[in-house]
Every structure is written in structure tokens, then in C-alpha cells.
Amino acid sequence: MSKHFPIKTLIGLAQDDVDAAARKLGRVQRERNEIEAQLNSLIEYRDEYHRRFTETAKAGMPAGNMRNFQAFIDTLDAAIEQQRQLLAAATARVEAAKPEWQRSKQKLGSYEVLEARGIAAEAKVAARREQRDADEHGARILRMRAEGA
């Protein structure tokens, strides 16, 4: 087995952590985007309903219809406020997941740097060994020529 088996194991585990953190970040970002889209839909619906009501009210409207309209607008406003709170919570989850992903990515990068340093050190040792072997082989050939002469 390779001398770098432990670092490869750490890199694999760190990559798993990065993947898990990226999946979590992606999930919370999608959830946040869905909540934001729902909020925007509610706001658009409220604005459209209010606009239509205003046009209808200009022509005259019974008081009961006015109360019903106001009650429905109040309900929409409450739903919008609730959706804004959900959006704030979802945004907080996204912001909490970002540093987690960054930390796991940084940890993976550190392991990869250590692996690269180990590979470079091994290559340097191998190059020295090859040079030493070549020098010894050259010296042996010279000795054999000198002894044969």
C-alpha cells in the first residue's frame, strides 16, 4: 500500500464532508428561494386584489363588501408577514450553512496541500536515489575499465 494511504483516507472523508455541506447549502438555498417566490406571489396577489377592489369601490360598494375586503386584505397581510418571517429564518439557515461549507472546503484543501507536499518529497527522495544509483553505476563502470586496462 501507498505511504499516503492515511492522507488519502482523510482526503476522502473531507471530500465527503464538502459534498454533504454543499448538498445542505444547496437545499437551504432552494428552500429559501421557494419561500421568497411564495412571498412575492402573495405580495403580487395582494396588490392585484387591492387594485381590483379600488376600481370596484370607485363605482360604489356596499359596506358589507368593504368589511369583507378589509378582512381579506388583513388576512393577506398576516400571511405576507408570516412568509417574511419564514424568509428571514430561511436566509439565516443559508448564512449558517455557508461557513460550514467553506470550513469543510478549506479542510479538504489543507489535506490536498499536505498530500502534494508528501508526493513532492517522495519524488525528491526518488530522484536523489536514482542519481546516486546512476553515479554508483558510472563509478563501477570506470573501475571495471581501469581494472581491465
Protein backbone atom coordinates (compact mmCIF):
# COMPACT_ATOMS: atom_id res chain seq x y z
CA MET A 1 0.00 0.00 0.00
CA SER A 2 0.99 3.58 -0.59
CA LYS A 3 2.66 5.60 2.12
CA HIS A 4 -0.06 8.19 1.57
CA PHE A 5 -2.95 5.88 2.42
CA PRO A 6 -3.82 7.79 5.63
CA ILE A 7 -3.83 11.17 3.85
CA LYS A 8 -5.93 9.71 1.02
CA THR A 9 -8.38 8.45 3.64
CA LEU A 10 -8.51 11.92 5.19
CA ILE A 11 -8.98 13.49 1.76
CA GLY A 12 -11.82 11.08 1.02
CA LEU A 13 -13.51 11.85 4.31
CA ALA A 14 -13.00 15.59 3.82
CA GLN A 15 -14.44 15.34 0.30
CA ASP A 16 -17.48 13.56 1.75
CA ASP A 17 -17.84 16.43 4.25
CA VAL A 18 -17.57 19.00 1.43
CA ASP A 19 -20.17 17.14 -0.62
CA ALA A 20 -22.55 16.91 2.36
CA ALA A 21 -22.08 20.60 3.19
CA ALA A 22 -22.63 21.55 -0.47
CA ARG A 23 -25.82 19.46 -0.60
CA LYS A 24 -27.07 21.09 2.59
CA LEU A 25 -26.22 24.57 1.32
CA GLY A 26 -27.97 23.84 -1.96
CA ARG A 27 -31.03 22.51 -0.16
CA VAL A 28 -31.37 25.51 2.16
CA GLN A 29 -30.81 27.89 -0.75
CA ARG A 30 -33.57 26.16 -2.76
CA GLU A 31 -35.88 26.31 0.27
CA ARG A 32 -35.12 30.00 0.71
CA ASN A 33 -35.78 30.68 -2.99
CA GLU A 34 -39.11 28.84 -2.80
CA ILE A 35 -40.15 30.81 0.27
CA GLU A 36 -39.13 34.06 -1.43
CA ALA A 37 -41.12 33.12 -4.55
CA GLN A 38 -44.17 32.38 -2.38
CA LEU A 39 -43.75 35.73 -0.64
CA ASN A 40 -43.53 37.55 -3.97
CA SER A 41 -46.64 35.72 -5.20
CA LEU A 42 -48.55 36.73 -2.07
CA ILE A 43 -47.48 40.36 -2.45
CA GLU A 44 -48.45 40.38 -6.14
CA TYR A 45 -51.81 38.77 -5.33
CA ARG A 46 -52.48 41.29 -2.56
CA ASP A 47 -51.55 44.21 -4.82
CA GLU A 48 -53.72 42.88 -7.66
CA TYR A 49 -56.66 42.25 -5.31
CA HIS A 50 -56.28 45.72 -3.83
CA ARG A 51 -56.12 47.30 -7.30
CA ARG A 52 -59.29 45.50 -8.44
CA PHE A 53 -61.07 46.39 -5.23
CA THR A 54 -60.13 50.05 -5.62
CA GLU A 55 -61.52 50.09 -9.15
CA THR A 56 -64.74 48.43 -7.99
CA ALA A 57 -65.07 50.71 -4.96
CA LYS A 58 -64.93 53.83 -7.13
CA ALA A 59 -68.24 52.81 -8.65
CA GLY A 60 -69.73 52.37 -5.19
CA MET A 61 -69.78 49.36 -2.92
CA PRO A 62 -71.95 48.21 -0.04
CA ALA A 63 -70.43 48.47 3.44
CA GLY A 64 -70.53 44.68 3.91
CA ASN A 65 -68.38 44.19 0.86
CA MET A 66 -65.95 46.80 2.20
CA ARG A 67 -65.65 44.93 5.51
CA ASN A 68 -65.14 41.64 3.68
CA PHE A 69 -62.46 43.23 1.52
CA GLN A 70 -60.68 44.69 4.52
CA ALA A 71 -60.84 41.36 6.36
CA PHE A 72 -59.38 39.57 3.34
CA ILE A 73 -56.63 42.18 2.96
CA ASP A 74 -55.83 41.79 6.67
CA THR A 75 -55.60 38.02 6.16
CA LEU A 76 -53.29 38.52 3.19
CA ASP A 77 -51.16 40.97 5.18
CA ALA A 78 -50.84 38.43 8.00
CA ALA A 79 -49.84 35.73 5.52
CA ILE A 80 -47.29 38.08 3.97
CA GLU A 81 -45.83 38.89 7.38
CA GLN A 82 -45.64 35.19 8.25
CA GLN A 83 -43.94 34.49 4.92
CA ARG A 84 -41.44 37.30 5.61
CA GLN A 85 -40.60 35.65 8.93
CA LEU A 86 -40.13 32.32 7.16
CA LEU A 87 -37.88 34.06 4.63
CA ALA A 88 -35.78 35.60 7.41
CA ALA A 89 -35.38 32.18 9.05
CA ALA A 90 -34.50 30.56 5.71
CA THR A 91 -31.96 33.29 4.99
CA ALA A 92 -30.41 32.67 8.41
CA ARG A 93 -30.14 28.94 7.58
CA VAL A 94 -28.38 29.79 4.31
CA GLU A 95 -25.98 32.12 6.08
CA ALA A 96 -25.26 29.44 8.70
CA ALA A 97 -24.61 26.78 6.03
CA LYS A 98 -22.12 28.92 4.06
CA PRO A 99 -19.33 28.97 6.69
CA GLU A 100 -19.83 25.24 7.29
CA TRP A 101 -19.26 24.58 3.57
CA GLN A 102 -16.29 26.97 3.49
CA ARG A 103 -14.67 25.28 6.52
CA SER A 104 -15.05 21.84 5.01
CA LYS A 105 -13.67 23.09 1.68
CA GLN A 106 -10.70 24.67 3.46
CA LYS A 107 -10.03 21.46 5.38
CA LEU A 108 -10.05 19.46 2.14
CA GLY A 109 -7.68 21.98 0.58
CA SER A 110 -5.30 21.64 3.52
CA TYR A 111 -5.22 17.86 3.16
CA GLU A 112 -4.63 18.18 -0.57
CA VAL A 113 -1.69 20.53 0.08
CA LEU A 114 -0.24 18.04 2.57
CA GLU A 115 -0.64 15.26 0.01
CA ALA A 116 1.08 17.34 -2.68
CA ARG A 117 3.95 18.12 -0.32
CA GLY A 118 4.31 14.42 0.52
CA ILE A 119 4.32 13.48 -3.15
CA ALA A 120 6.92 16.18 -3.89
CA ALA A 121 9.11 14.98 -1.01
CA GLU A 122 8.86 11.38 -2.21
CA ALA A 123 9.73 12.46 -5.74
CA LYS A 124 12.77 14.35 -4.44
CA VAL A 125 13.96 11.30 -2.49
CA ALA A 126 13.39 9.07 -5.54
CA ALA A 127 15.31 11.49 -7.76
CA ARG A 128 18.24 11.53 -5.32
CA ARG A 129 18.18 7.74 -5.14
CA GLU A 130 18.17 7.47 -8.94
CA GLN A 131 21.04 9.96 -9.17
CA ARG A 132 23.02 8.05 -6.53
CA ASP A 133 22.38 4.76 -8.34
CA ALA A 134 23.45 6.30 -11.65
CA ASP A 135 26.61 7.71 -10.03
CA GLU A 136 27.43 4.33 -8.47
CA HIS A 137 26.84 2.59 -11.78
CA GLY A 138 29.10 5.09 -13.57
CA ALA A 139 31.80 4.65 -10.91
CA ARG A 140 31.54 0.86 -11.23
CA ILE A 141 31.99 1.05 -14.99
CA LEU A 142 35.04 3.32 -14.57
CA ARG A 143 36.55 0.88 -12.02
CA MET A 144 35.92 -2.05 -14.32
CA ARG A 145 37.58 -0.21 -17.21
CA ALA A 146 40.50 0.79 -15.02
CA GLU A 147 40.93 -2.78 -13.76
CA GLY A 148 40.62 -4.16 -17.28
CA ALA A 149 43.27 -1.82 -18.68
